[in-house]
């Protein structure tokens, strides 16, 4: 499951040579998967999408929570 013991969703990414589905930038880009959703976005579009999702969820901090340790694949 993509939800950890603290209830946080984890976005899985891997390199992709496909074009960004949002802006059309050619690869390499990031193929992403979150629960049952997936797609390919460039780093800029993926970062914007993450910011939008965080805002919709009411996240206030732009930096990781105090005490958070970086995980492989963090963007």
PDB file of N, CA and C in Angstrom:
ATOM      1  N   UNK A   1       0.843  -1.181   0.000  1.00  0.00           N
ATOM      2  CA  UNK A   1       0.000   0.000   0.000  1.00  0.00           C
ATOM      3  C   UNK A   1       0.883   1.236   0.000  1.00  0.00           C
ATOM      4  N   UNK A   2       0.386   2.323  -0.513  1.00  0.00           N
ATOM      5  CA  UNK A   2       1.137   3.572  -0.618  1.00  0.00           C
ATOM      6  C   UNK A   2       0.928   4.486   0.588  1.00  0.00           C
ATOM      7  N   UNK A   3       0.330   3.975   1.663  1.00  0.00           N
ATOM      8  CA  UNK A   3       0.074   4.777   2.857  1.00  0.00           C
ATOM      9  C   UNK A   3       0.924   4.228   3.994  1.00  0.00           C
ATOM     10  N   UNK A   4       1.699   5.110   4.633  1.00  0.00           N
ATOM     11  CA  UNK A   4       2.561   4.651   5.720  1.00  0.00           C
ATOM     12  C   UNK A   4       1.816   4.662   7.053  1.00  0.00           C
ATOM     13  N   UNK A   5       2.524   4.287   8.114  1.00  0.00           N
ATOM     14  CA  UNK A   5       1.918   4.175   9.446  1.00  0.00           C
ATOM     15  C   UNK A   5       1.431   5.508   9.999  1.00  0.00           C
ATOM     16  N   UNK A   6       1.879   6.636   9.415  1.00  0.00           N
ATOM     17  CA  UNK A   6       1.427   7.959   9.840  1.00  0.00           C
ATOM     18  C   UNK A   6       0.285   8.480   8.977  1.00  0.00           C
ATOM     19  N   UNK A   7      -0.195   7.636   8.047  1.00  0.00           N
ATOM     20  CA  UNK A   7      -1.309   8.034   7.194  1.00  0.00           C
ATOM     21  C   UNK A   7      -0.906   8.878   6.001  1.00  0.00           C
ATOM     22  N   UNK A   8       0.397   8.934   5.678  1.00  0.00           N
ATOM     23  CA  UNK A   8       0.875   9.732   4.551  1.00  0.00           C
ATOM     24  C   UNK A   8       0.881   8.892   3.283  1.00  0.00           C
ATOM     25  N   UNK A   9       0.435   9.493   2.185  1.00  0.00           N
ATOM     26  CA  UNK A   9       0.515   8.839   0.885  1.00  0.00           C
ATOM     27  C   UNK A   9       1.926   8.986   0.336  1.00  0.00           C
ATOM     28  N   UNK A  10       2.418   7.959  -0.330  1.00  0.00           N
ATOM     29  CA  UNK A  10       3.746   8.011  -0.939  1.00  0.00           C
ATOM     30  C   UNK A  10       3.611   7.854  -2.445  1.00  0.00           C
ATOM     31  N   UNK A  11       4.146   8.821  -3.153  1.00  0.00           N
ATOM     32  CA  UNK A  11       4.124   8.843  -4.608  1.00  0.00           C
ATOM     33  C   UNK A  11       5.331   8.073  -5.125  1.00  0.00           C
ATOM     34  N   UNK A  12       5.061   7.024  -5.895  1.00  0.00           N
ATOM     35  CA  UNK A  12       6.144   6.236  -6.471  1.00  0.00           C
ATOM     36  C   UNK A  12       6.474   6.792  -7.850  1.00  0.00           C
ATOM     37  N   UNK A  13       7.773   6.979  -8.134  1.00  0.00           N
ATOM     38  CA  UNK A  13       8.201   7.455  -9.448  1.00  0.00           C
ATOM     39  C   UNK A  13       9.336   6.586  -9.958  1.00  0.00           C
ATOM     40  N   UNK A  14       9.469   6.583 -11.270  1.00  0.00           N
ATOM     41  CA  UNK A  14      10.611   5.945 -11.912  1.00  0.00           C
ATOM     42  C   UNK A  14      10.879   6.668 -13.222  1.00  0.00           C
ATOM     43  N   UNK A  15      12.101   6.608 -13.724  1.00  0.00           N
ATOM     44  CA  UNK A  15      12.426   7.298 -14.966  1.00  0.00           C
ATOM     45  C   UNK A  15      11.583   6.775 -16.137  1.00  0.00           C
ATOM     46  N   UNK A  16      11.235   7.685 -17.038  1.00  0.00           N
ATOM     47  CA  UNK A  16      10.476   7.322 -18.232  1.00  0.00           C
ATOM     48  C   UNK A  16      10.971   8.160 -19.402  1.00  0.00           C
ATOM     49  N   UNK A  17      11.046   7.563 -20.558  1.00  0.00           N
ATOM     50  CA  UNK A  17      11.443   8.289 -21.763  1.00  0.00           C
ATOM     51  C   UNK A  17      10.219   8.873 -22.479  1.00  0.00           C
ATOM     52  N   UNK A  18       9.027   8.675 -21.939  1.00  0.00           N
ATOM     53  CA  UNK A  18       7.810   9.231 -22.541  1.00  0.00           C
ATOM     54  C   UNK A  18       7.744  10.737 -22.312  1.00  0.00           C
ATOM     55  N   UNK A  19       6.989  11.420 -23.164  1.00  0.00           N
ATOM     56  CA  UNK A  19       6.779  12.864 -23.034  1.00  0.00           C
ATOM     57  C   UNK A  19       5.876  13.162 -21.838  1.00  0.00           C
ATOM     58  N   UNK A  20       6.049  14.357 -21.283  1.00  0.00           N
ATOM     59  CA  UNK A  20       5.196  14.826 -20.187  1.00  0.00           C
ATOM     60  C   UNK A  20       3.766  14.944 -20.692  1.00  0.00           C
ATOM     61  N   UNK A  21       2.826  14.384 -19.968  1.00  0.00           N
ATOM     62  CA  UNK A  21       1.419  14.417 -20.360  1.00  0.00           C
ATOM     63  C   UNK A  21       0.801  15.805 -20.210  1.00  0.00           C
ATOM     64  N   UNK A  22       1.447  16.667 -19.436  1.00  0.00           N
ATOM     65  CA  UNK A  22       0.903  18.009 -19.194  1.00  0.00           C
ATOM     66  C   UNK A  22       1.438  19.034 -20.195  1.00  0.00           C
ATOM     67  N   UNK A  23       2.766  19.121 -20.322  1.00  0.00           N
ATOM     68  CA  UNK A  23       3.363  20.172 -21.159  1.00  0.00           C
ATOM     69  C   UNK A  23       4.006  19.645 -22.441  1.00  0.00           C
ATOM     70  N   UNK A  24       4.147  18.319 -22.565  1.00  0.00           N
ATOM     71  CA  UNK A  24       4.712  17.736 -23.767  1.00  0.00           C
ATOM     72  C   UNK A  24       6.226  17.632 -23.796  1.00  0.00           C
ATOM     73  N   UNK A  25       6.900  18.034 -22.717  1.00  0.00           N
ATOM     74  CA  UNK A  25       8.368  17.969 -22.683  1.00  0.00           C
ATOM     75  C   UNK A  25       8.810  16.539 -22.947  1.00  0.00           C
ATOM     76  N   UNK A  26       9.763  16.356 -23.881  1.00  0.00           N
ATOM     77  CA  UNK A  26      10.247  14.994 -24.152  1.00  0.00           C
ATOM     78  C   UNK A  26      11.019  14.438 -22.958  1.00  0.00           C
ATOM     79  N   UNK A  27      11.106  13.106 -22.884  1.00  0.00           N
ATOM     80  CA  UNK A  27      11.802  12.443 -21.790  1.00  0.00           C
ATOM     81  C   UNK A  27      13.285  12.737 -21.800  1.00  0.00           C
ATOM     82  N   UNK A  28      13.965  12.449 -20.711  1.00  0.00           N
ATOM     83  CA  UNK A  28      13.448  11.641 -19.614  1.00  0.00           C
ATOM     84  C   UNK A  28      12.558  12.452 -18.671  1.00  0.00           C
ATOM     85  N   UNK A  29      11.515  11.801 -18.193  1.00  0.00           N
ATOM     86  CA  UNK A  29      10.564  12.375 -17.251  1.00  0.00           C
ATOM     87  C   UNK A  29      10.325  11.378 -16.127  1.00  0.00           C
ATOM     88  N   UNK A  30       9.287  11.614 -15.351  1.00  0.00           N
ATOM     89  CA  UNK A  30       8.971  10.740 -14.222  1.00  0.00           C
ATOM     90  C   UNK A  30       7.635  10.039 -14.470  1.00  0.00           C
ATOM     91  N   UNK A  31       7.676   8.712 -14.515  1.00  0.00           N
ATOM     92  CA  UNK A  31       6.436   7.930 -14.500  1.00  0.00           C
ATOM     93  C   UNK A  31       6.048   7.839 -13.033  1.00  0.00           C
ATOM     94  N   UNK A  32       4.805   8.200 -12.694  1.00  0.00           N
ATOM     95  CA  UNK A  32       4.391   8.223 -11.300  1.00  0.00           C
ATOM     96  C   UNK A  32       3.204   7.291 -11.087  1.00  0.00           C
ATOM     97  N   UNK A  33       3.070   6.829  -9.853  1.00  0.00           N
ATOM     98  CA  UNK A  33       1.922   6.010  -9.462  1.00  0.00           C
ATOM     99  C   UNK A  33       1.545   6.376  -8.044  1.00  0.00           C
ATOM    100  N   UNK A  34       0.254   6.605  -7.834  1.00  0.00           N
ATOM    101  CA  UNK A  34      -0.282   6.909  -6.512  1.00  0.00           C
ATOM    102  C   UNK A  34      -1.603   6.179  -6.393  1.00  0.00           C
ATOM    103  N   UNK A  35      -1.632   5.175  -5.537  1.00  0.00           N
ATOM    104  CA  UNK A  35      -2.796   4.299  -5.417  1.00  0.00           C
ATOM    105  C   UNK A  35      -3.107   3.727  -6.791  1.00  0.00           C
ATOM    106  N   UNK A  36      -4.297   3.964  -7.338  1.00  0.00           N
ATOM    107  CA  UNK A  36      -4.667   3.403  -8.645  1.00  0.00           C
ATOM    108  C   UNK A  36      -4.462   4.365  -9.802  1.00  0.00           C
ATOM    109  N   UNK A  37      -3.904   5.536  -9.546  1.00  0.00           N
ATOM    110  CA  UNK A  37      -3.662   6.541 -10.594  1.00  0.00           C
ATOM    111  C   UNK A  37      -2.207   6.496 -11.033  1.00  0.00           C
ATOM    112  N   UNK A  38      -1.950   6.845 -12.297  1.00  0.00           N
ATOM    113  CA  UNK A  38      -0.575   6.888 -12.776  1.00  0.00           C
ATOM    114  C   UNK A  38      -0.480   7.798 -13.985  1.00  0.00           C
ATOM    115  N   UNK A  39       0.739   8.141 -14.361  1.00  0.00           N
ATOM    116  CA  UNK A  39       0.966   8.994 -15.514  1.00  0.00           C
ATOM    117  C   UNK A  39       2.437   9.297 -15.671  1.00  0.00           C
ATOM    118  N   UNK A  40       2.761  10.208 -16.598  1.00  0.00           N
ATOM    119  CA  UNK A  40       4.137  10.633 -16.835  1.00  0.00           C
ATOM    120  C   UNK A  40       4.158  12.156 -16.847  1.00  0.00           C
ATOM    121  N   UNK A  41       4.995  12.743 -16.005  1.00  0.00           N
ATOM    122  CA  UNK A  41       5.136  14.197 -15.924  1.00  0.00           C
ATOM    123  C   UNK A  41       6.608  14.563 -15.834  1.00  0.00           C
ATOM    124  N   UNK A  42       6.946  15.750 -16.350  1.00  0.00           N
ATOM    125  CA  UNK A  42       8.300  16.270 -16.146  1.00  0.00           C
ATOM    126  C   UNK A  42       8.400  16.715 -14.686  1.00  0.00           C
ATOM    127  N   UNK A  43       9.605  16.965 -14.226  1.00  0.00           N
ATOM    128  CA  UNK A  43       9.805  17.335 -12.825  1.00  0.00           C
ATOM    129  C   UNK A  43       9.022  18.592 -12.463  1.00  0.00           C
ATOM    130  N   UNK A  44       9.009  19.597 -13.354  1.00  0.00           N
ATOM    131  CA  UNK A  44       8.288  20.841 -13.064  1.00  0.00           C
ATOM    132  C   UNK A  44       6.792  20.584 -12.916  1.00  0.00           C
ATOM    133  N   UNK A  45       6.200  19.879 -13.864  1.00  0.00           N
ATOM    134  CA  UNK A  45       4.761  19.616 -13.806  1.00  0.00           C
ATOM    135  C   UNK A  45       4.411  18.718 -12.623  1.00  0.00           C
ATOM    136  N   UNK A  46       5.278  17.744 -12.313  1.00  0.00           N
ATOM    137  CA  UNK A  46       5.033  16.867 -11.171  1.00  0.00           C
ATOM    138  C   UNK A  46       5.072  17.669  -9.878  1.00  0.00           C
ATOM    139  N   UNK A  47       6.037  18.570  -9.752  1.00  0.00           N
ATOM    140  CA  UNK A  47       6.124  19.406  -8.552  1.00  0.00           C
ATOM    141  C   UNK A  47       4.896  20.299  -8.410  1.00  0.00           C
ATOM    142  N   UNK A  48       4.424  20.868  -9.519  1.00  0.00           N
ATOM    143  CA  UNK A  48       3.214  21.703  -9.484  1.00  0.00           C
ATOM    144  C   UNK A  48       2.001  20.882  -9.082  1.00  0.00           C
ATOM    145  N   UNK A  49       1.896  19.659  -9.614  1.00  0.00           N
ATOM    146  CA  UNK A  49       0.764  18.789  -9.279  1.00  0.00           C
ATOM    147  C   UNK A  49       0.786  18.425  -7.795  1.00  0.00           C
ATOM    148  N   UNK A  50       1.976  18.107  -7.272  1.00  0.00           N
ATOM    149  CA  UNK A  50       2.103  17.781  -5.850  1.00  0.00           C
ATOM    150  C   UNK A  50       1.683  18.975  -4.998  1.00  0.00           C
ATOM    151  N   UNK A  51       2.099  20.186  -5.381  1.00  0.00           N
ATOM    152  CA  UNK A  51       1.719  21.393  -4.643  1.00  0.00           C
ATOM    153  C   UNK A  51       0.204  21.588  -4.654  1.00  0.00           C
ATOM    154  N   UNK A  52      -0.433  21.339  -5.805  1.00  0.00           N
ATOM    155  CA  UNK A  52      -1.894  21.461  -5.902  1.00  0.00           C
ATOM    156  C   UNK A  52      -2.587  20.452  -4.998  1.00  0.00           C
ATOM    157  N   UNK A  53      -2.122  19.214  -5.013  1.00  0.00           N
ATOM    158  CA  UNK A  53      -2.725  18.174  -4.169  1.00  0.00           C
ATOM    159  C   UNK A  53      -2.558  18.532  -2.703  1.00  0.00           C
ATOM    160  N   UNK A  54      -1.351  18.959  -2.323  1.00  0.00           N
ATOM    161  CA  UNK A  54      -1.121  19.347  -0.930  1.00  0.00           C
ATOM    162  C   UNK A  54      -2.049  20.485  -0.518  1.00  0.00           C
ATOM    163  N   UNK A  55      -2.239  21.459  -1.413  1.00  0.00           N
ATOM    164  CA  UNK A  55      -3.127  22.582  -1.106  1.00  0.00           C
ATOM    165  C   UNK A  55      -4.572  22.099  -0.935  1.00  0.00           C
ATOM    166  N   UNK A  56      -5.014  21.214  -1.820  1.00  0.00           N
ATOM    167  CA  UNK A  56      -6.381  20.676  -1.709  1.00  0.00           C
ATOM    168  C   UNK A  56      -6.568  19.906  -0.406  1.00  0.00           C
ATOM    169  N   UNK A  57      -5.503  19.262   0.063  1.00  0.00           N
ATOM    170  CA  UNK A  57      -5.571  18.494   1.301  1.00  0.00           C
ATOM    171  C   UNK A  57      -5.379  19.362   2.540  1.00  0.00           C
ATOM    172  N   UNK A  58      -5.078  20.642   2.325  1.00  0.00           N
ATOM    173  CA  UNK A  58      -4.925  21.556   3.447  1.00  0.00           C
ATOM    174  C   UNK A  58      -3.534  21.592   4.045  1.00  0.00           C
ATOM    175  N   UNK A  59      -2.553  21.058   3.329  1.00  0.00           N
ATOM    176  CA  UNK A  59      -1.174  21.098   3.837  1.00  0.00           C
ATOM    177  C   UNK A  59      -0.704  22.543   3.886  1.00  0.00           C
ATOM    178  N   UNK A  60      -0.084  22.928   4.964  1.00  0.00           N
ATOM    179  CA  UNK A  60       0.350  24.312   5.142  1.00  0.00           C
ATOM    180  C   UNK A  60       1.842  24.492   4.966  1.00  0.00           C
ATOM    181  N   UNK A  61       2.635  23.472   5.292  1.00  0.00           N
ATOM    182  CA  UNK A  61       4.088  23.597   5.241  1.00  0.00           C
ATOM    183  C   UNK A  61       4.605  23.249   3.857  1.00  0.00           C
ATOM    184  N   UNK A  62       5.532  24.055   3.344  1.00  0.00           N
ATOM    185  CA  UNK A  62       6.139  23.737   2.063  1.00  0.00           C
ATOM    186  C   UNK A  62       7.374  22.861   2.256  1.00  0.00           C
ATOM    187  N   UNK A  63       7.864  22.778   3.497  1.00  0.00           N
ATOM    188  CA  UNK A  63       9.017  21.940   3.812  1.00  0.00           C
ATOM    189  C   UNK A  63       8.538  20.676   4.508  1.00  0.00           C
ATOM    190  N   UNK A  64       9.345  19.606   4.484  1.00  0.00           N
ATOM    191  CA  UNK A  64       8.949  18.388   5.198  1.00  0.00           C
ATOM    192  C   UNK A  64       8.708  18.662   6.675  1.00  0.00           C
ATOM    193  N   UNK A  65       7.858  17.869   7.264  1.00  0.00           N
ATOM    194  CA  UNK A  65       7.553  18.005   8.683  1.00  0.00           C
ATOM    195  C   UNK A  65       8.818  17.819   9.516  1.00  0.00           C
ATOM    196  N   UNK A  66       8.864  18.503  10.636  1.00  0.00           N
ATOM    197  CA  UNK A  66      10.009  18.409  11.545  1.00  0.00           C
ATOM    198  C   UNK A  66      10.266  16.941  11.886  1.00  0.00           C
ATOM    199  N   UNK A  67      11.521  16.518  11.762  1.00  0.00           N
ATOM    200  CA  UNK A  67      11.891  15.147  12.079  1.00  0.00           C
ATOM    201  C   UNK A  67      11.777  14.185  10.914  1.00  0.00           C
ATOM    202  N   UNK A  68      11.267  14.674   9.769  1.00  0.00           N
ATOM    203  CA  UNK A  68      11.126  13.787   8.603  1.00  0.00           C
ATOM    204  C   UNK A  68      12.500  13.456   8.045  1.00  0.00           C
ATOM    205  N   UNK A  69      12.737  12.188   7.776  1.00  0.00           N
ATOM    206  CA  UNK A  69      13.985  11.749   7.186  1.00  0.00           C
ATOM    207  C   UNK A  69      13.741  11.474   5.709  1.00  0.00           C
ATOM    208  N   UNK A  70      14.596  12.016   4.857  1.00  0.00           N
ATOM    209  CA  UNK A  70      14.436  11.851   3.403  1.00  0.00           C
ATOM    210  C   UNK A  70      14.372  10.366   3.040  1.00  0.00           C
ATOM    211  N   UNK A  71      13.503  10.066   2.094  1.00  0.00           N
ATOM    212  CA  UNK A  71      13.318   8.707   1.615  1.00  0.00           C
ATOM    213  C   UNK A  71      13.781   8.609   0.175  1.00  0.00           C
ATOM    214  N   UNK A  72      14.220   7.447  -0.260  1.00  0.00           N
ATOM    215  CA  UNK A  72      14.587   7.283  -1.663  1.00  0.00           C
ATOM    216  C   UNK A  72      13.404   7.659  -2.554  1.00  0.00           C
ATOM    217  N   UNK A  73      13.647   8.457  -3.586  1.00  0.00           N
ATOM    218  CA  UNK A  73      12.586   8.861  -4.496  1.00  0.00           C
ATOM    219  C   UNK A  73      11.906  10.164  -4.120  1.00  0.00           C
ATOM    220  N   UNK A  74      12.264  10.761  -2.987  1.00  0.00           N
ATOM    221  CA  UNK A  74      11.678  12.065  -2.627  1.00  0.00           C
ATOM    222  C   UNK A  74      11.968  13.085  -3.714  1.00  0.00           C
ATOM    223  N   UNK A  75      11.013  13.950  -3.962  1.00  0.00           N
ATOM    224  CA  UNK A  75      11.186  15.010  -4.955  1.00  0.00           C
ATOM    225  C   UNK A  75      11.256  16.330  -4.224  1.00  0.00           C
TER     226      UNK A  75
END
